[in-house]
Amino acid sequence: EQRFTGPGHPNGFGPTKSALILATVQANI
């Protein structure tokens, strides 16, 4: 949530999307 931010999400994407991002990072990197 701290590392992945965007123009409309300067404080991250929230816990649900952050968990999905984490799963994506883990699966692919």
PDB file of all heavy atoms in Angstrom:
ATOM      1  N   GLU A   1       0.823  -1.213   0.000  1.00  0.00           N
ATOM      2  CA  GLU A   1       0.000   0.000   0.000  1.00  0.00           C
ATOM      3  C   GLU A   1       0.859   1.266   0.000  1.00  0.00           C
ATOM      4  O   GLU A   1       0.494   2.272  -0.589  1.00  0.00           O
ATOM      5  CB  GLU A   1      -0.935  -0.012   1.199  1.00  0.00           C
ATOM      6  CG  GLU A   1      -2.081   0.946   1.048  1.00  0.00           C
ATOM      7  CD  GLU A   1      -3.221   0.652   2.001  1.00  0.00           C
ATOM      8  OE1 GLU A   1      -3.172  -0.340   2.746  1.00  0.00           O
ATOM      9  OE2 GLU A   1      -4.166   1.447   2.005  1.00  0.00           O
ATOM     10  N   GLN A   2       2.015   1.194   0.618  1.00  0.00           N
ATOM     11  CA  GLN A   2       2.936   2.338   0.619  1.00  0.00           C
ATOM     12  C   GLN A   2       3.735   2.420  -0.688  1.00  0.00           C
ATOM     13  O   GLN A   2       4.043   3.498  -1.179  1.00  0.00           O
ATOM     14  CB  GLN A   2       3.910   2.250   1.793  1.00  0.00           C
ATOM     15  CG  GLN A   2       3.246   2.446   3.125  1.00  0.00           C
ATOM     16  CD  GLN A   2       4.220   2.246   4.289  1.00  0.00           C
ATOM     17  OE1 GLN A   2       5.345   1.783   4.102  1.00  0.00           O
ATOM     18  NE2 GLN A   2       3.789   2.590   5.481  1.00  0.00           N
ATOM     19  N   ARG A   3       4.083   1.269  -1.240  1.00  0.00           N
ATOM     20  CA  ARG A   3       4.976   1.213  -2.401  1.00  0.00           C
ATOM     21  C   ARG A   3       4.250   1.496  -3.714  1.00  0.00           C
ATOM     22  O   ARG A   3       4.773   2.153  -4.604  1.00  0.00           O
ATOM     23  CB  ARG A   3       5.639  -0.165  -2.448  1.00  0.00           C
ATOM     24  CG  ARG A   3       6.633  -0.331  -3.567  1.00  0.00           C
ATOM     25  CD  ARG A   3       7.489  -1.570  -3.377  1.00  0.00           C
ATOM     26  NE  ARG A   3       8.554  -1.263  -2.419  1.00  0.00           N
ATOM     27  CZ  ARG A   3       8.653  -1.810  -1.202  1.00  0.00           C
ATOM     28  NH1 ARG A   3       7.794  -2.696  -0.793  1.00  0.00           N
ATOM     29  NH2 ARG A   3       9.634  -1.467  -0.398  1.00  0.00           N
ATOM     30  N   PHE A   4       3.047   0.964  -3.860  1.00  0.00           N
ATOM     31  CA  PHE A   4       2.292   1.122  -5.097  1.00  0.00           C
ATOM     32  C   PHE A   4       1.272   2.247  -4.913  1.00  0.00           C
ATOM     33  O   PHE A   4       0.330   2.114  -4.161  1.00  0.00           O
ATOM     34  CB  PHE A   4       1.565  -0.176  -5.462  1.00  0.00           C
ATOM     35  CG  PHE A   4       2.467  -1.244  -6.002  1.00  0.00           C
ATOM     36  CD1 PHE A   4       3.191  -2.058  -5.141  1.00  0.00           C
ATOM     37  CD2 PHE A   4       2.597  -1.460  -7.371  1.00  0.00           C
ATOM     38  CE1 PHE A   4       4.029  -3.048  -5.633  1.00  0.00           C
ATOM     39  CE2 PHE A   4       3.421  -2.452  -7.868  1.00  0.00           C
ATOM     40  CZ  PHE A   4       4.143  -3.249  -7.000  1.00  0.00           C
ATOM     41  N   THR A   5       1.509   3.338  -5.631  1.00  0.00           N
ATOM     42  CA  THR A   5       0.614   4.489  -5.574  1.00  0.00           C
ATOM     43  C   THR A   5       0.284   4.909  -6.999  1.00  0.00           C
ATOM     44  O   THR A   5       0.903   4.427  -7.957  1.00  0.00           O
ATOM     45  CB  THR A   5       1.272   5.666  -4.830  1.00  0.00           C
ATOM     46  OG1 THR A   5       2.494   6.014  -5.491  1.00  0.00           O
ATOM     47  CG2 THR A   5       1.564   5.316  -3.369  1.00  0.00           C
ATOM     48  N   GLY A   6      -0.682   5.789  -7.135  1.00  0.00           N
ATOM     49  CA  GLY A   6      -1.052   6.294  -8.449  1.00  0.00           C
ATOM     50  C   GLY A   6      -1.542   7.713  -8.326  1.00  0.00           C
ATOM     51  O   GLY A   6      -1.745   8.210  -7.214  1.00  0.00           O
ATOM     52  N   PRO A   7      -1.751   8.374  -9.459  1.00  0.00           N
ATOM     53  CA  PRO A   7      -2.174   9.774  -9.424  1.00  0.00           C
ATOM     54  C   PRO A   7      -3.418  10.017  -8.566  1.00  0.00           C
ATOM     55  O   PRO A   7      -3.477  10.975  -7.820  1.00  0.00           O
ATOM     56  CB  PRO A   7      -2.455  10.106 -10.896  1.00  0.00           C
ATOM     57  CG  PRO A   7      -1.666   9.112 -11.668  1.00  0.00           C
ATOM     58  CD  PRO A   7      -1.606   7.879 -10.813  1.00  0.00           C
ATOM     59  N   GLY A   8      -4.388   9.145  -8.653  1.00  0.00           N
ATOM     60  CA  GLY A   8      -5.603   9.273  -7.852  1.00  0.00           C
ATOM     61  C   GLY A   8      -5.541   8.526  -6.535  1.00  0.00           C
ATOM     62  O   GLY A   8      -6.506   8.498  -5.780  1.00  0.00           O
ATOM     63  N   HIS A   9      -4.407   7.883  -6.279  1.00  0.00           N
ATOM     64  CA  HIS A   9      -4.226   7.080  -5.065  1.00  0.00           C
ATOM     65  C   HIS A   9      -2.845   7.357  -4.461  1.00  0.00           C
ATOM     66  O   HIS A   9      -1.997   6.462  -4.400  1.00  0.00           O
ATOM     67  CB  HIS A   9      -4.359   5.592  -5.386  1.00  0.00           C
ATOM     68  CG  HIS A   9      -5.698   5.208  -5.914  1.00  0.00           C
ATOM     69  ND1 HIS A   9      -6.014   5.270  -7.259  1.00  0.00           N
ATOM     70  CD2 HIS A   9      -6.825   4.790  -5.277  1.00  0.00           C
ATOM     71  CE1 HIS A   9      -7.259   4.881  -7.427  1.00  0.00           C
ATOM     72  NE2 HIS A   9      -7.779   4.585  -6.246  1.00  0.00           N
ATOM     73  N   PRO A  10      -2.592   8.591  -4.005  1.00  0.00           N
ATOM     74  CA  PRO A  10      -1.268   8.927  -3.474  1.00  0.00           C
ATOM     75  C   PRO A  10      -0.929   8.193  -2.176  1.00  0.00           C
ATOM     76  O   PRO A  10       0.234   8.094  -1.818  1.00  0.00           O
ATOM     77  CB  PRO A  10      -1.336  10.441  -3.254  1.00  0.00           C
ATOM     78  CG  PRO A  10      -2.793  10.724  -3.078  1.00  0.00           C
ATOM     79  CD  PRO A  10      -3.508   9.737  -3.960  1.00  0.00           C
ATOM     80  N   ASN A  11      -1.953   7.654  -1.512  1.00  0.00           N
ATOM     81  CA  ASN A  11      -1.730   6.912  -0.268  1.00  0.00           C
ATOM     82  C   ASN A  11      -1.961   5.422  -0.460  1.00  0.00           C
ATOM     83  O   ASN A  11      -2.258   4.704   0.487  1.00  0.00           O
ATOM     84  CB  ASN A  11      -2.643   7.451   0.838  1.00  0.00           C
ATOM     85  CG  ASN A  11      -2.342   8.902   1.155  1.00  0.00           C
ATOM     86  OD1 ASN A  11      -1.190   9.284   1.261  1.00  0.00           O
ATOM     87  ND2 ASN A  11      -3.380   9.706   1.279  1.00  0.00           N
ATOM     88  N   GLY A  12      -1.834   4.944  -1.671  1.00  0.00           N
ATOM     89  CA  GLY A  12      -2.008   3.531  -1.947  1.00  0.00           C
ATOM     90  C   GLY A  12      -3.414   3.209  -2.427  1.00  0.00           C
ATOM     91  O   GLY A  12      -4.277   4.079  -2.522  1.00  0.00           O
ATOM     92  N   PHE A  13      -3.644   1.934  -2.717  1.00  0.00           N
ATOM     93  CA  PHE A  13      -4.900   1.484  -3.309  1.00  0.00           C
ATOM     94  C   PHE A  13      -5.826   0.790  -2.314  1.00  0.00           C
ATOM     95  O   PHE A  13      -6.809   0.179  -2.713  1.00  0.00           O
ATOM     96  CB  PHE A  13      -4.599   0.551  -4.490  1.00  0.00           C
ATOM     97  CG  PHE A  13      -4.021   1.282  -5.658  1.00  0.00           C
ATOM     98  CD1 PHE A  13      -2.651   1.466  -5.774  1.00  0.00           C
ATOM     99  CD2 PHE A  13      -4.834   1.819  -6.644  1.00  0.00           C
ATOM    100  CE1 PHE A  13      -2.110   2.159  -6.853  1.00  0.00           C
ATOM    101  CE2 PHE A  13      -4.307   2.508  -7.721  1.00  0.00           C
ATOM    102  CZ  PHE A  13      -2.941   2.683  -7.830  1.00  0.00           C
ATOM    103  N   GLY A  14      -5.511   0.861  -1.035  1.00  0.00           N
ATOM    104  CA  GLY A  14      -6.348   0.223  -0.021  1.00  0.00           C
ATOM    105  C   GLY A  14      -5.961  -1.224   0.180  1.00  0.00           C
ATOM    106  O   GLY A  14      -5.268  -1.823  -0.647  1.00  0.00           O
ATOM    107  N   PRO A  15      -6.404  -1.800   1.285  1.00  0.00           N
ATOM    108  CA  PRO A  15      -5.967  -3.161   1.638  1.00  0.00           C
ATOM    109  C   PRO A  15      -6.423  -4.251   0.670  1.00  0.00           C
ATOM    110  O   PRO A  15      -5.675  -5.193   0.415  1.00  0.00           O
ATOM    111  CB  PRO A  15      -6.526  -3.378   3.037  1.00  0.00           C
ATOM    112  CG  PRO A  15      -7.540  -2.315   3.252  1.00  0.00           C
ATOM    113  CD  PRO A  15      -7.223  -1.194   2.323  1.00  0.00           C
ATOM    114  N   THR A  16      -7.614  -4.137   0.106  1.00  0.00           N
ATOM    115  CA  THR A  16      -8.091  -5.190  -0.795  1.00  0.00           C
ATOM    116  C   THR A  16      -7.279  -5.219  -2.080  1.00  0.00           C
ATOM    117  O   THR A  16      -6.759  -6.276  -2.477  1.00  0.00           O
ATOM    118  CB  THR A  16      -9.590  -5.001  -1.112  1.00  0.00           C
ATOM    119  OG1 THR A  16     -10.324  -5.025   0.121  1.00  0.00           O
ATOM    120  CG2 THR A  16     -10.099  -6.099  -2.034  1.00  0.00           C
ATOM    121  N   LYS A  17      -7.135  -4.064  -2.729  1.00  0.00           N
ATOM    122  CA  LYS A  17      -6.347  -4.014  -3.964  1.00  0.00           C
ATOM    123  C   LYS A  17      -4.879  -4.284  -3.675  1.00  0.00           C
ATOM    124  O   LYS A  17      -4.193  -4.915  -4.489  1.00  0.00           O
ATOM    125  CB  LYS A  17      -6.525  -2.670  -4.671  1.00  0.00           C
ATOM    126  CG  LYS A  17      -7.882  -2.528  -5.341  1.00  0.00           C
ATOM    127  CD  LYS A  17      -7.996  -1.243  -6.120  1.00  0.00           C
ATOM    128  CE  LYS A  17      -9.358  -1.125  -6.781  1.00  0.00           C
ATOM    129  NZ  LYS A  17      -9.489   0.144  -7.524  1.00  0.00           N
ATOM    130  N   SER A  18      -4.393  -3.833  -2.532  1.00  0.00           N
ATOM    131  CA  SER A  18      -2.985  -4.088  -2.186  1.00  0.00           C
ATOM    132  C   SER A  18      -2.732  -5.580  -2.021  1.00  0.00           C
ATOM    133  O   SER A  18      -1.671  -6.078  -2.399  1.00  0.00           O
ATOM    134  CB  SER A  18      -2.601  -3.319  -0.925  1.00  0.00           C
ATOM    135  OG  SER A  18      -2.608  -1.929  -1.189  1.00  0.00           O
ATOM    136  N   ALA A  19      -3.701  -6.308  -1.460  1.00  0.00           N
ATOM    137  CA  ALA A  19      -3.556  -7.762  -1.325  1.00  0.00           C
ATOM    138  C   ALA A  19      -3.513  -8.418  -2.702  1.00  0.00           C
ATOM    139  O   ALA A  19      -2.749  -9.366  -2.936  1.00  0.00           O
ATOM    140  CB  ALA A  19      -4.699  -8.332  -0.488  1.00  0.00           C
ATOM    141  N   LEU A  20      -4.305  -7.912  -3.637  1.00  0.00           N
ATOM    142  CA  LEU A  20      -4.291  -8.445  -5.006  1.00  0.00           C
ATOM    143  C   LEU A  20      -2.985  -8.113  -5.712  1.00  0.00           C
ATOM    144  O   LEU A  20      -2.439  -8.939  -6.448  1.00  0.00           O
ATOM    145  CB  LEU A  20      -5.483  -7.901  -5.794  1.00  0.00           C
ATOM    146  CG  LEU A  20      -6.870  -8.325  -5.278  1.00  0.00           C
ATOM    147  CD1 LEU A  20      -7.961  -7.570  -6.011  1.00  0.00           C
ATOM    148  CD2 LEU A  20      -7.045  -9.825  -5.424  1.00  0.00           C
ATOM    149  N   ILE A  21      -2.480  -6.905  -5.481  1.00  0.00           N
ATOM    150  CA  ILE A  21      -1.180  -6.520  -6.048  1.00  0.00           C
ATOM    151  C   ILE A  21      -0.097  -7.436  -5.504  1.00  0.00           C
ATOM    152  O   ILE A  21       0.753  -7.937  -6.245  1.00  0.00           O
ATOM    153  CB  ILE A  21      -0.858  -5.042  -5.738  1.00  0.00           C
ATOM    154  CG1 ILE A  21      -1.838  -4.111  -6.453  1.00  0.00           C
ATOM    155  CG2 ILE A  21       0.584  -4.717  -6.137  1.00  0.00           C
ATOM    156  CD1 ILE A  21      -1.792  -2.666  -5.960  1.00  0.00           C
ATOM    157  N   LEU A  22      -0.124  -7.678  -4.192  1.00  0.00           N
ATOM    158  CA  LEU A  22       0.861  -8.559  -3.557  1.00  0.00           C
ATOM    159  C   LEU A  22       0.816  -9.951  -4.180  1.00  0.00           C
ATOM    160  O   LEU A  22       1.862 -10.528  -4.500  1.00  0.00           O
ATOM    161  CB  LEU A  22       0.607  -8.628  -2.052  1.00  0.00           C
ATOM    162  CG  LEU A  22       1.508  -9.562  -1.257  1.00  0.00           C
ATOM    163  CD1 LEU A  22       2.969  -9.125  -1.345  1.00  0.00           C
ATOM    164  CD2 LEU A  22       1.057  -9.621   0.195  1.00  0.00           C
ATOM    165  N   ALA A  23      -0.382 -10.488  -4.376  1.00  0.00           N
ATOM    166  CA  ALA A  23      -0.513 -11.814  -4.988  1.00  0.00           C
ATOM    167  C   ALA A  23       0.063 -11.824  -6.401  1.00  0.00           C
ATOM    168  O   ALA A  23       0.717 -12.784  -6.813  1.00  0.00           O
ATOM    169  CB  ALA A  23      -1.978 -12.240  -5.005  1.00  0.00           C
ATOM    170  N   THR A  24      -0.141 -10.741  -7.130  1.00  0.00           N
ATOM    171  CA  THR A  24       0.378 -10.628  -8.492  1.00  0.00           C
ATOM    172  C   THR A  24       1.896 -10.559  -8.505  1.00  0.00           C
ATOM    173  O   THR A  24       2.557 -11.223  -9.310  1.00  0.00           O
ATOM    174  CB  THR A  24      -0.224  -9.378  -9.177  1.00  0.00           C
ATOM    175  OG1 THR A  24      -1.650  -9.496  -9.169  1.00  0.00           O
ATOM    176  CG2 THR A  24       0.267  -9.238 -10.605  1.00  0.00           C
ATOM    177  N   VAL A  25       2.443  -9.762  -7.599  1.00  0.00           N
ATOM    178  CA  VAL A  25       3.914  -9.650  -7.479  1.00  0.00           C
ATOM    179  C   VAL A  25       4.499 -11.017  -7.156  1.00  0.00           C
ATOM    180  O   VAL A  25       5.455 -11.470  -7.792  1.00  0.00           O
ATOM    181  CB  VAL A  25       4.301  -8.613  -6.405  1.00  0.00           C
ATOM    182  CG1 VAL A  25       5.782  -8.711  -6.054  1.00  0.00           C
ATOM    183  CG2 VAL A  25       3.960  -7.205  -6.867  1.00  0.00           C
ATOM    184  N   GLN A  26       3.920 -11.677  -6.158  1.00  0.00           N
ATOM    185  CA  GLN A  26       4.455 -12.966  -5.740  1.00  0.00           C
ATOM    186  C   GLN A  26       4.368 -14.000  -6.852  1.00  0.00           C
ATOM    187  O   GLN A  26       5.308 -14.754  -7.080  1.00  0.00           O
ATOM    188  CB  GLN A  26       3.728 -13.463  -4.491  1.00  0.00           C
ATOM    189  CG  GLN A  26       4.654 -13.597  -3.345  1.00  0.00           C
ATOM    190  CD  GLN A  26       3.974 -14.039  -2.078  1.00  0.00           C
ATOM    191  OE1 GLN A  26       2.856 -13.666  -1.782  1.00  0.00           O
ATOM    192  NE2 GLN A  26       4.678 -14.836  -1.328  1.00  0.00           N
ATOM    193  N   ALA A  27       3.247 -14.050  -7.545  1.00  0.00           N
ATOM    194  CA  ALA A  27       3.060 -15.056  -8.596  1.00  0.00           C
ATOM    195  C   ALA A  27       3.982 -14.845  -9.782  1.00  0.00           C
ATOM    196  O   ALA A  27       4.420 -15.809 -10.406  1.00  0.00           O
ATOM    197  CB  ALA A  27       1.597 -15.045  -9.060  1.00  0.00           C
ATOM    198  N   ASN A  28       4.312 -13.591 -10.084  1.00  0.00           N
ATOM    199  CA  ASN A  28       5.050 -13.302 -11.313  1.00  0.00           C
ATOM    200  C   ASN A  28       6.497 -12.891 -11.150  1.00  0.00           C
ATOM    201  O   ASN A  28       7.261 -12.961 -12.108  1.00  0.00           O
ATOM    202  CB  ASN A  28       4.306 -12.199 -12.087  1.00  0.00           C
ATOM    203  CG  ASN A  28       2.977 -12.691 -12.594  1.00  0.00           C
ATOM    204  OD1 ASN A  28       2.917 -13.420 -13.549  1.00  0.00           O
ATOM    205  ND2 ASN A  28       1.898 -12.313 -11.907  1.00  0.00           N
ATOM    206  N   ILE A  29       6.888 -12.457  -9.962  1.00  0.00           N
ATOM    207  CA  ILE A  29       8.272 -11.995  -9.784  1.00  0.00           C
ATOM    208  C   ILE A  29       9.028 -12.844  -8.758  1.00  0.00           C
ATOM    209  O   ILE A  29      10.170 -13.206  -8.984  1.00  0.00           O
ATOM    210  CB  ILE A  29       8.327 -10.503  -9.385  1.00  0.00           C
ATOM    211  CG1 ILE A  29       7.684  -9.658 -10.506  1.00  0.00           C
ATOM    212  CG2 ILE A  29       9.765 -10.064  -9.154  1.00  0.00           C
ATOM    213  CD1 ILE A  29       7.645  -8.164 -10.213  1.00  0.00           C
TER     214      ILE A  29
END
